[in-house]
């Protein structure tokens, strides 16, 4: 039998823990409600049949540059690259299903469906090809899969920090991201900035939305699904032959982490320069 004093101590500790969880959940809910009004989507919501996806396009000219975000990322992750690249051509970023402002839909996550979603989004949004397709991190895998399936639409493929099955700190990252929806619901992520600290360095117009969604359970649930299927996505891309005549520009600007964003302006400038060079090259061969 547990002594009365120890029992009272345990009950007190449990009550304090419950209070902290409820307080954190209340804080999380209030902050999320404020952020929904503070960070409305900057682009358009486009119906692709079974869900609506968010696409944000700026600039003019052809070819259209399409940006595919890294793991746990979204359109706002391109805060340094998109406005700079828009000086030379039309540039579109978007949120994959379940990330950012895009709807998840009712079908379970399947990495092989990502290119189909993007193709439908570009078609229904009226953003014409040909495209310079740019993928960062896990986004480089999805960009590769898109180029395999819809090669006639793609003029150049730019792969930034294209991943392999192995990545720095992969096990730790996976444990954190798996737990992140629950940590977000309790407000723990928001207080500790375990994930949102990774966006420090982005321009404020991008850092705000990125911080908000990296503290949101809905966004993090889909991010966890993407990361859980990382090896599958890498295998899909590795077994899919690209057209040998398609120009592919590999860039290595960062490390090999599974969750990383282009927060360093100099790294982002390297990507922007590659985009500008590809746009000029395509223009000169017409």
C-alpha atoms as a PDB file:
ATOM      1  CA  UNK A   1       0.000   0.000   0.000  1.00  0.00           C
ATOM      2  CA  UNK A   2       1.306   3.444  -0.972  1.00  0.00           C
ATOM      3  CA  UNK A   3       1.883   5.673   2.061  1.00  0.00           C
ATOM      4  CA  UNK A   4      -0.504   8.635   2.301  1.00  0.00           C
ATOM      5  CA  UNK A   5       2.243  11.237   1.949  1.00  0.00           C
ATOM      6  CA  UNK A   6       3.622   9.674  -1.239  1.00  0.00           C
ATOM      7  CA  UNK A   7       0.075   9.302  -2.609  1.00  0.00           C
ATOM      8  CA  UNK A   8      -0.611  12.996  -1.976  1.00  0.00           C
ATOM      9  CA  UNK A   9       2.681  13.923  -3.674  1.00  0.00           C
ATOM     10  CA  UNK A  10       1.832  11.844  -6.730  1.00  0.00           C
ATOM     11  CA  UNK A  11      -1.673  13.302  -6.970  1.00  0.00           C
ATOM     12  CA  UNK A  12      -0.286  16.819  -6.636  1.00  0.00           C
ATOM     13  CA  UNK A  13       2.280  16.151  -9.374  1.00  0.00           C
ATOM     14  CA  UNK A  14      -0.422  14.679 -11.630  1.00  0.00           C
ATOM     15  CA  UNK A  15      -2.657  17.689 -11.042  1.00  0.00           C
ATOM     16  CA  UNK A  16       0.176  20.085 -11.868  1.00  0.00           C
ATOM     17  CA  UNK A  17       1.007  18.123 -15.021  1.00  0.00           C
ATOM     18  CA  UNK A  18      -2.643  18.139 -16.113  1.00  0.00           C
ATOM     19  CA  UNK A  19      -2.855  21.880 -15.483  1.00  0.00           C
ATOM     20  CA  UNK A  20       0.263  22.517 -17.553  1.00  0.00           C
ATOM     21  CA  UNK A  21      -1.062  20.384 -20.439  1.00  0.00           C
ATOM     22  CA  UNK A  22      -4.414  22.152 -20.410  1.00  0.00           C
ATOM     23  CA  UNK A  23      -2.734  25.555 -20.183  1.00  0.00           C
ATOM     24  CA  UNK A  24      -0.452  24.649 -23.086  1.00  0.00           C
ATOM     25  CA  UNK A  25      -3.365  23.409 -25.188  1.00  0.00           C
ATOM     26  CA  UNK A  26      -5.299  26.604 -24.483  1.00  0.00           C
ATOM     27  CA  UNK A  27      -2.275  28.698 -25.433  1.00  0.00           C
ATOM     28  CA  UNK A  28      -1.809  26.657 -28.613  1.00  0.00           C
ATOM     29  CA  UNK A  29      -5.450  27.075 -29.637  1.00  0.00           C
ATOM     30  CA  UNK A  30      -5.502  30.819 -29.005  1.00  0.00           C
ATOM     31  CA  UNK A  31      -2.211  31.396 -30.837  1.00  0.00           C
ATOM     32  CA  UNK A  32      -3.323  29.316 -33.824  1.00  0.00           C
ATOM     33  CA  UNK A  33      -6.609  31.227 -34.084  1.00  0.00           C
ATOM     34  CA  UNK A  34      -4.709  34.536 -34.130  1.00  0.00           C
ATOM     35  CA  UNK A  35      -2.244  33.244 -36.732  1.00  0.00           C
ATOM     36  CA  UNK A  36      -5.023  32.123 -39.069  1.00  0.00           C
ATOM     37  CA  UNK A  37      -6.027  35.782 -39.352  1.00  0.00           C
ATOM     38  CA  UNK A  38      -2.462  37.080 -39.312  1.00  0.00           C
ATOM     39  CA  UNK A  39      -1.190  34.815 -42.089  1.00  0.00           C
ATOM     40  CA  UNK A  40      -3.833  34.364 -44.809  1.00  0.00           C
ATOM     41  CA  UNK A  41      -2.638  32.522 -47.891  1.00  0.00           C
ATOM     42  CA  UNK A  42      -0.900  34.886 -50.350  1.00  0.00           C
ATOM     43  CA  UNK A  43      -1.855  32.955 -53.475  1.00  0.00           C
ATOM     44  CA  UNK A  44      -4.850  31.012 -54.776  1.00  0.00           C
ATOM     45  CA  UNK A  45      -6.686  27.906 -53.635  1.00  0.00           C
ATOM     46  CA  UNK A  46      -7.222  25.640 -56.646  1.00  0.00           C
ATOM     47  CA  UNK A  47      -9.597  22.667 -56.729  1.00  0.00           C
ATOM     48  CA  UNK A  48      -7.817  19.635 -58.194  1.00  0.00           C
ATOM     49  CA  UNK A  49     -10.797  17.316 -57.800  1.00  0.00           C
ATOM     50  CA  UNK A  50     -10.555  15.771 -54.351  1.00  0.00           C
ATOM     51  CA  UNK A  51      -8.937  18.673 -52.482  1.00  0.00           C
ATOM     52  CA  UNK A  52      -7.831  22.290 -52.820  1.00  0.00           C
ATOM     53  CA  UNK A  53      -4.143  23.138 -53.079  1.00  0.00           C
ATOM     54  CA  UNK A  54      -2.507  26.497 -52.523  1.00  0.00           C
ATOM     55  CA  UNK A  55      -0.323  27.993 -55.272  1.00  0.00           C
ATOM     56  CA  UNK A  56       1.472  31.330 -55.179  1.00  0.00           C
ATOM     57  CA  UNK A  57       2.882  32.817 -58.387  1.00  0.00           C
ATOM     58  CA  UNK A  58       4.746  36.089 -58.990  1.00  0.00           C
ATOM     59  CA  UNK A  59       6.648  37.631 -61.887  1.00  0.00           C
ATOM     60  CA  UNK A  60       6.166  37.408 -65.622  1.00  0.00           C
ATOM     61  CA  UNK A  61       7.768  35.560 -68.481  1.00  0.00           C
ATOM     62  CA  UNK A  62       8.506  32.089 -69.725  1.00  0.00           C
ATOM     63  CA  UNK A  63       9.543  29.442 -68.855  1.00  0.00           C
ATOM     64  CA  UNK A  64       7.586  29.261 -65.611  1.00  0.00           C
ATOM     65  CA  UNK A  65       9.728  28.262 -62.644  1.00  0.00           C
ATOM     66  CA  UNK A  66       8.027  25.808 -60.256  1.00  0.00           C
ATOM     67  CA  UNK A  67       9.416  25.384 -56.735  1.00  0.00           C
ATOM     68  CA  UNK A  68       9.037  22.113 -54.795  1.00  0.00           C
ATOM     69  CA  UNK A  69       9.622  22.634 -51.053  1.00  0.00           C
ATOM     70  CA  UNK A  70      11.731  20.449 -48.722  1.00  0.00           C
ATOM     71  CA  UNK A  71      10.374  18.093 -46.063  1.00  0.00           C
ATOM     72  CA  UNK A  72       8.094  19.856 -43.548  1.00  0.00           C
ATOM     73  CA  UNK A  73       8.244  22.906 -45.815  1.00  0.00           C
ATOM     74  CA  UNK A  74       5.710  24.846 -47.842  1.00  0.00           C
ATOM     75  CA  UNK A  75       5.532  27.743 -50.285  1.00  0.00           C
ATOM     76  CA  UNK A  76       6.839  30.188 -47.661  1.00  0.00           C
ATOM     77  CA  UNK A  77      10.094  28.201 -47.422  1.00  0.00           C
ATOM     78  CA  UNK A  78      11.176  29.924 -50.663  1.00  0.00           C
ATOM     79  CA  UNK A  79      11.178  33.384 -49.066  1.00  0.00           C
ATOM     80  CA  UNK A  80      14.594  34.376 -50.365  1.00  0.00           C
ATOM     81  CA  UNK A  81      14.471  32.547 -53.704  1.00  0.00           C
ATOM     82  CA  UNK A  82      11.016  33.254 -55.132  1.00  0.00           C
ATOM     83  CA  UNK A  83      11.021  37.090 -55.184  1.00  0.00           C
ATOM     84  CA  UNK A  84      14.583  37.180 -56.508  1.00  0.00           C
ATOM     85  CA  UNK A  85      13.936  34.602 -59.243  1.00  0.00           C
ATOM     86  CA  UNK A  86      10.745  36.470 -60.214  1.00  0.00           C
ATOM     87  CA  UNK A  87      12.957  39.257 -61.562  1.00  0.00           C
ATOM     88  CA  UNK A  88      13.691  37.065 -64.575  1.00  0.00           C
ATOM     89  CA  UNK A  89      10.588  34.889 -65.068  1.00  0.00           C
ATOM     90  CA  UNK A  90       7.273  33.690 -63.701  1.00  0.00           C
ATOM     91  CA  UNK A  91       7.842  31.759 -60.452  1.00  0.00           C
ATOM     92  CA  UNK A  92       5.311  29.558 -58.648  1.00  0.00           C
ATOM     93  CA  UNK A  93       5.601  27.924 -55.239  1.00  0.00           C
ATOM     94  CA  UNK A  94       2.909  25.722 -53.761  1.00  0.00           C
ATOM     95  CA  UNK A  95       1.953  23.677 -50.716  1.00  0.00           C
ATOM     96  CA  UNK A  96       1.776  19.911 -51.081  1.00  0.00           C
ATOM     97  CA  UNK A  97      -1.433  18.268 -49.887  1.00  0.00           C
ATOM     98  CA  UNK A  98      -1.829  18.581 -46.121  1.00  0.00           C
ATOM     99  CA  UNK A  99       0.995  21.108 -45.762  1.00  0.00           C
ATOM    100  CA  UNK A 100       0.651  24.840 -45.307  1.00  0.00           C
ATOM    101  CA  UNK A 101      -2.647  26.162 -46.619  1.00  0.00           C
ATOM    102  CA  UNK A 102      -3.389  23.097 -48.795  1.00  0.00           C
ATOM    103  CA  UNK A 103      -6.047  20.550 -47.892  1.00  0.00           C
ATOM    104  CA  UNK A 104      -4.948  16.997 -47.091  1.00  0.00           C
ATOM    105  CA  UNK A 105      -7.917  15.224 -48.682  1.00  0.00           C
ATOM    106  CA  UNK A 106      -9.326  11.892 -47.535  1.00  0.00           C
ATOM    107  CA  UNK A 107      -6.834   9.529 -49.209  1.00  0.00           C
ATOM    108  CA  UNK A 108      -3.827   8.353 -47.146  1.00  0.00           C
ATOM    109  CA  UNK A 109      -0.460   9.869 -48.060  1.00  0.00           C
ATOM    110  CA  UNK A 110       1.309   8.287 -51.024  1.00  0.00           C
ATOM    111  CA  UNK A 111       4.595   9.817 -52.270  1.00  0.00           C
ATOM    112  CA  UNK A 112       3.935   8.596 -55.807  1.00  0.00           C
ATOM    113  CA  UNK A 113       0.794  10.770 -55.957  1.00  0.00           C
ATOM    114  CA  UNK A 114       2.650  14.051 -55.356  1.00  0.00           C
ATOM    115  CA  UNK A 115       3.600  14.595 -59.034  1.00  0.00           C
ATOM    116  CA  UNK A 116       0.008  13.887 -60.084  1.00  0.00           C
ATOM    117  CA  UNK A 117      -1.252  16.537 -57.648  1.00  0.00           C
ATOM    118  CA  UNK A 118       1.238  19.107 -58.927  1.00  0.00           C
ATOM    119  CA  UNK A 119       0.386  18.376 -62.551  1.00  0.00           C
ATOM    120  CA  UNK A 120      -3.325  18.837 -61.852  1.00  0.00           C
ATOM    121  CA  UNK A 121      -2.611  22.024 -59.895  1.00  0.00           C
ATOM    122  CA  UNK A 122      -0.565  23.604 -62.682  1.00  0.00           C
ATOM    123  CA  UNK A 123      -3.107  22.599 -65.303  1.00  0.00           C
ATOM    124  CA  UNK A 124      -6.147  23.873 -63.389  1.00  0.00           C
ATOM    125  CA  UNK A 125      -4.447  27.044 -62.201  1.00  0.00           C
ATOM    126  CA  UNK A 126      -3.719  28.024 -65.801  1.00  0.00           C
ATOM    127  CA  UNK A 127       0.042  28.332 -65.263  1.00  0.00           C
ATOM    128  CA  UNK A 128       1.438  27.243 -68.628  1.00  0.00           C
ATOM    129  CA  UNK A 129       4.616  25.326 -69.298  1.00  0.00           C
ATOM    130  CA  UNK A 130       7.304  24.726 -70.135  1.00  0.00           C
ATOM    131  CA  UNK A 131       8.681  24.603 -66.600  1.00  0.00           C
ATOM    132  CA  UNK A 132      12.002  24.931 -64.886  1.00  0.00           C
ATOM    133  CA  UNK A 133      11.397  22.582 -61.968  1.00  0.00           C
ATOM    134  CA  UNK A 134      13.354  23.262 -58.768  1.00  0.00           C
ATOM    135  CA  UNK A 135      13.291  20.880 -55.806  1.00  0.00           C
ATOM    136  CA  UNK A 136      15.025  21.243 -52.449  1.00  0.00           C
ATOM    137  CA  UNK A 137      15.730  18.256 -50.212  1.00  0.00           C
ATOM    138  CA  UNK A 138      12.768  15.895 -50.329  1.00  0.00           C
ATOM    139  CA  UNK A 139      11.312  18.297 -52.888  1.00  0.00           C
ATOM    140  CA  UNK A 140      14.144  17.283 -55.242  1.00  0.00           C
ATOM    141  CA  UNK A 141      12.798  13.728 -55.132  1.00  0.00           C
ATOM    142  CA  UNK A 142       9.295  14.894 -56.016  1.00  0.00           C
ATOM    143  CA  UNK A 143      10.663  17.147 -58.764  1.00  0.00           C
ATOM    144  CA  UNK A 144      12.502  14.156 -60.228  1.00  0.00           C
ATOM    145  CA  UNK A 145       9.351  12.024 -60.159  1.00  0.00           C
ATOM    146  CA  UNK A 146       7.430  14.823 -61.875  1.00  0.00           C
ATOM    147  CA  UNK A 147      10.059  15.093 -64.614  1.00  0.00           C
ATOM    148  CA  UNK A 148       9.862  11.330 -65.197  1.00  0.00           C
ATOM    149  CA  UNK A 149       6.071  11.293 -65.519  1.00  0.00           C
ATOM    150  CA  UNK A 150       5.539  14.624 -67.258  1.00  0.00           C
ATOM    151  CA  UNK A 151       8.830  15.095 -69.047  1.00  0.00           C
ATOM    152  CA  UNK A 152       7.298  16.975 -71.964  1.00  0.00           C
ATOM    153  CA  UNK A 153       6.422  19.794 -69.544  1.00  0.00           C
ATOM    154  CA  UNK A 154       9.925  20.177 -68.092  1.00  0.00           C
ATOM    155  CA  UNK A 155      12.815  22.007 -69.749  1.00  0.00           C
ATOM    156  CA  UNK A 156      15.312  21.934 -66.873  1.00  0.00           C
ATOM    157  CA  UNK A 157      15.485  20.141 -63.535  1.00  0.00           C
ATOM    158  CA  UNK A 158      17.363  21.851 -60.683  1.00  0.00           C
ATOM    159  CA  UNK A 159      18.008  19.567 -57.702  1.00  0.00           C
ATOM    160  CA  UNK A 160      19.110  21.321 -54.505  1.00  0.00           C
ATOM    161  CA  UNK A 161      20.669  19.093 -51.824  1.00  0.00           C
ATOM    162  CA  UNK A 162      19.055  16.048 -53.392  1.00  0.00           C
ATOM    163  CA  UNK A 163      18.748  13.447 -50.619  1.00  0.00           C
ATOM    164  CA  UNK A 164      19.764   9.858 -50.239  1.00  0.00           C
ATOM    165  CA  UNK A 165      18.279   7.209 -47.962  1.00  0.00           C
ATOM    166  CA  UNK A 166      20.841   8.176 -45.327  1.00  0.00           C
ATOM    167  CA  UNK A 167      20.771  11.646 -43.807  1.00  0.00           C
ATOM    168  CA  UNK A 168      22.422  13.492 -40.947  1.00  0.00           C
ATOM    169  CA  UNK A 169      20.556  13.030 -37.675  1.00  0.00           C
ATOM    170  CA  UNK A 170      17.804  11.057 -39.423  1.00  0.00           C
ATOM    171  CA  UNK A 171      16.793   8.967 -36.396  1.00  0.00           C
ATOM    172  CA  UNK A 172      16.568  11.967 -34.072  1.00  0.00           C
ATOM    173  CA  UNK A 173      14.647  13.980 -36.664  1.00  0.00           C
ATOM    174  CA  UNK A 174      12.177  11.158 -37.221  1.00  0.00           C
ATOM    175  CA  UNK A 175      11.499  10.730 -33.502  1.00  0.00           C
ATOM    176  CA  UNK A 176      10.918  14.461 -33.095  1.00  0.00           C
ATOM    177  CA  UNK A 177       8.635  14.789 -36.123  1.00  0.00           C
ATOM    178  CA  UNK A 178       6.591  11.700 -35.165  1.00  0.00           C
ATOM    179  CA  UNK A 179       5.964  13.244 -31.741  1.00  0.00           C
ATOM    180  CA  UNK A 180       5.549  16.788 -33.051  1.00  0.00           C
ATOM    181  CA  UNK A 181       1.746  16.796 -33.612  1.00  0.00           C
ATOM    182  CA  UNK A 182       1.215  15.865 -29.957  1.00  0.00           C
ATOM    183  CA  UNK A 183       3.870  18.265 -28.749  1.00  0.00           C
ATOM    184  CA  UNK A 184       2.188  20.983 -30.832  1.00  0.00           C
ATOM    185  CA  UNK A 185      -1.246  20.280 -29.345  1.00  0.00           C
ATOM    186  CA  UNK A 186       0.168  20.754 -25.857  1.00  0.00           C
ATOM    187  CA  UNK A 187       1.893  24.000 -26.849  1.00  0.00           C
ATOM    188  CA  UNK A 188       5.324  22.526 -26.130  1.00  0.00           C
ATOM    189  CA  UNK A 189       6.703  23.107 -29.630  1.00  0.00           C
ATOM    190  CA  UNK A 190       5.560  26.718 -29.580  1.00  0.00           C
ATOM    191  CA  UNK A 191       7.298  27.405 -26.273  1.00  0.00           C
ATOM    192  CA  UNK A 192      10.525  25.530 -27.030  1.00  0.00           C
ATOM    193  CA  UNK A 193      10.779  26.380 -30.773  1.00  0.00           C
ATOM    194  CA  UNK A 194      12.152  22.883 -31.387  1.00  0.00           C
ATOM    195  CA  UNK A 195      11.136  23.041 -35.068  1.00  0.00           C
ATOM    196  CA  UNK A 196      10.293  26.666 -35.771  1.00  0.00           C
ATOM    197  CA  UNK A 197      13.787  27.720 -34.709  1.00  0.00           C
ATOM    198  CA  UNK A 198      14.948  26.257 -38.026  1.00  0.00           C
ATOM    199  CA  UNK A 199      13.384  29.151 -39.969  1.00  0.00           C
ATOM    200  CA  UNK A 200      15.503  31.868 -38.351  1.00  0.00           C
ATOM    201  CA  UNK A 201      17.126  33.774 -41.185  1.00  0.00           C
ATOM    202  CA  UNK A 202      14.168  33.758 -43.581  1.00  0.00           C
ATOM    203  CA  UNK A 203      12.637  37.148 -44.406  1.00  0.00           C
ATOM    204  CA  UNK A 204       9.850  38.025 -41.974  1.00  0.00           C
ATOM    205  CA  UNK A 205       7.147  37.636 -44.620  1.00  0.00           C
ATOM    206  CA  UNK A 206       8.134  33.960 -44.854  1.00  0.00           C
ATOM    207  CA  UNK A 207       9.368  33.288 -41.331  1.00  0.00           C
ATOM    208  CA  UNK A 208       5.982  34.211 -39.834  1.00  0.00           C
ATOM    209  CA  UNK A 209       3.895  31.668 -41.771  1.00  0.00           C
ATOM    210  CA  UNK A 210       6.627  29.021 -41.531  1.00  0.00           C
ATOM    211  CA  UNK A 211       6.812  29.433 -37.756  1.00  0.00           C
ATOM    212  CA  UNK A 212       3.044  29.220 -37.495  1.00  0.00           C
ATOM    213  CA  UNK A 213       2.713  26.009 -39.500  1.00  0.00           C
ATOM    214  CA  UNK A 214       5.699  24.337 -37.833  1.00  0.00           C
ATOM    215  CA  UNK A 215       3.670  24.660 -34.630  1.00  0.00           C
ATOM    216  CA  UNK A 216       0.425  23.349 -36.159  1.00  0.00           C
ATOM    217  CA  UNK A 217      -0.633  19.695 -35.625  1.00  0.00           C
ATOM    218  CA  UNK A 218      -2.334  19.395 -39.043  1.00  0.00           C
ATOM    219  CA  UNK A 219       0.766  20.508 -40.944  1.00  0.00           C
ATOM    220  CA  UNK A 220       3.052  18.388 -38.763  1.00  0.00           C
ATOM    221  CA  UNK A 221       0.904  15.274 -39.149  1.00  0.00           C
ATOM    222  CA  UNK A 222       1.393  15.366 -42.932  1.00  0.00           C
ATOM    223  CA  UNK A 223       5.063  16.283 -42.525  1.00  0.00           C
ATOM    224  CA  UNK A 224       5.503  13.186 -40.343  1.00  0.00           C
ATOM    225  CA  UNK A 225       3.826  11.049 -43.043  1.00  0.00           C
ATOM    226  CA  UNK A 226       6.203  12.418 -45.684  1.00  0.00           C
ATOM    227  CA  UNK A 227       9.257  11.756 -43.553  1.00  0.00           C
ATOM    228  CA  UNK A 228       8.054   8.250 -42.651  1.00  0.00           C
ATOM    229  CA  UNK A 229       7.941   7.455 -46.387  1.00  0.00           C
ATOM    230  CA  UNK A 230      11.349   9.071 -47.069  1.00  0.00           C
ATOM    231  CA  UNK A 231      13.112   5.862 -48.092  1.00  0.00           C
ATOM    232  CA  UNK A 232      10.203   4.844 -50.305  1.00  0.00           C
ATOM    233  CA  UNK A 233      10.300   8.193 -52.095  1.00  0.00           C
ATOM    234  CA  UNK A 234      14.068   7.928 -52.594  1.00  0.00           C
ATOM    235  CA  UNK A 235      13.666   4.421 -54.040  1.00  0.00           C
ATOM    236  CA  UNK A 236      10.915   5.590 -56.394  1.00  0.00           C
ATOM    237  CA  UNK A 237      13.132   8.348 -57.758  1.00  0.00           C
ATOM    238  CA  UNK A 238      16.147   6.061 -58.000  1.00  0.00           C
ATOM    239  CA  UNK A 239      14.274   3.525 -60.076  1.00  0.00           C
ATOM    240  CA  UNK A 240      12.689   6.095 -62.407  1.00  0.00           C
ATOM    241  CA  UNK A 241      14.807   6.822 -65.508  1.00  0.00           C
ATOM    242  CA  UNK A 242      14.968  10.459 -66.567  1.00  0.00           C
ATOM    243  CA  UNK A 243      15.116  11.494 -70.201  1.00  0.00           C
ATOM    244  CA  UNK A 244      18.881  11.608 -70.934  1.00  0.00           C
ATOM    245  CA  UNK A 245      18.346  14.792 -72.959  1.00  0.00           C
ATOM    246  CA  UNK A 246      16.781  16.662 -70.028  1.00  0.00           C
ATOM    247  CA  UNK A 247      19.228  19.174 -68.512  1.00  0.00           C
ATOM    248  CA  UNK A 248      19.717  18.403 -64.819  1.00  0.00           C
ATOM    249  CA  UNK A 249      21.487  20.908 -62.565  1.00  0.00           C
ATOM    250  CA  UNK A 250      22.589  19.388 -59.228  1.00  0.00           C
ATOM    251  CA  UNK A 251      23.381  21.879 -56.461  1.00  0.00           C
ATOM    252  CA  UNK A 252      24.856  21.233 -53.029  1.00  0.00           C
ATOM    253  CA  UNK A 253      24.417  24.315 -50.864  1.00  0.00           C
ATOM    254  CA  UNK A 254      23.692  22.840 -47.429  1.00  0.00           C
ATOM    255  CA  UNK A 255      24.139  19.657 -45.460  1.00  0.00           C
ATOM    256  CA  UNK A 256      22.352  16.337 -45.583  1.00  0.00           C
ATOM    257  CA  UNK A 257      19.677  16.951 -42.952  1.00  0.00           C
ATOM    258  CA  UNK A 258      16.183  15.661 -43.626  1.00  0.00           C
ATOM    259  CA  UNK A 259      14.557  18.904 -42.440  1.00  0.00           C
ATOM    260  CA  UNK A 260      16.414  22.026 -43.609  1.00  0.00           C
ATOM    261  CA  UNK A 261      15.385  25.315 -45.178  1.00  0.00           C
ATOM    262  CA  UNK A 262      17.135  27.917 -47.338  1.00  0.00           C
ATOM    263  CA  UNK A 263      17.551  30.460 -44.555  1.00  0.00           C
ATOM    264  CA  UNK A 264      21.052  31.592 -45.531  1.00  0.00           C
ATOM    265  CA  UNK A 265      20.803  34.380 -48.144  1.00  0.00           C
ATOM    266  CA  UNK A 266      24.085  33.328 -49.763  1.00  0.00           C
ATOM    267  CA  UNK A 267      22.872  29.752 -50.219  1.00  0.00           C
ATOM    268  CA  UNK A 268      19.567  31.023 -51.574  1.00  0.00           C
ATOM    269  CA  UNK A 269      21.483  33.303 -53.976  1.00  0.00           C
ATOM    270  CA  UNK A 270      23.259  30.244 -55.404  1.00  0.00           C
ATOM    271  CA  UNK A 271      19.902  28.639 -56.137  1.00  0.00           C
ATOM    272  CA  UNK A 272      18.535  31.876 -57.618  1.00  0.00           C
ATOM    273  CA  UNK A 273      21.581  32.185 -59.882  1.00  0.00           C
ATOM    274  CA  UNK A 274      21.067  28.632 -61.148  1.00  0.00           C
ATOM    275  CA  UNK A 275      17.427  29.411 -61.910  1.00  0.00           C
ATOM    276  CA  UNK A 276      18.337  32.619 -63.770  1.00  0.00           C
ATOM    277  CA  UNK A 277      20.990  30.786 -65.756  1.00  0.00           C
ATOM    278  CA  UNK A 278      18.554  28.052 -66.758  1.00  0.00           C
ATOM    279  CA  UNK A 279      15.931  30.608 -67.811  1.00  0.00           C
ATOM    280  CA  UNK A 280      18.504  32.440 -69.952  1.00  0.00           C
ATOM    281  CA  UNK A 281      19.699  29.181 -71.502  1.00  0.00           C
ATOM    282  CA  UNK A 282      16.193  28.165 -72.479  1.00  0.00           C
ATOM    283  CA  UNK A 283      15.516  31.623 -73.898  1.00  0.00           C
ATOM    284  CA  UNK A 284      18.673  31.534 -76.007  1.00  0.00           C
ATOM    285  CA  UNK A 285      17.776  28.193 -77.616  1.00  0.00           C
ATOM    286  CA  UNK A 286      14.313  29.178 -78.816  1.00  0.00           C
END
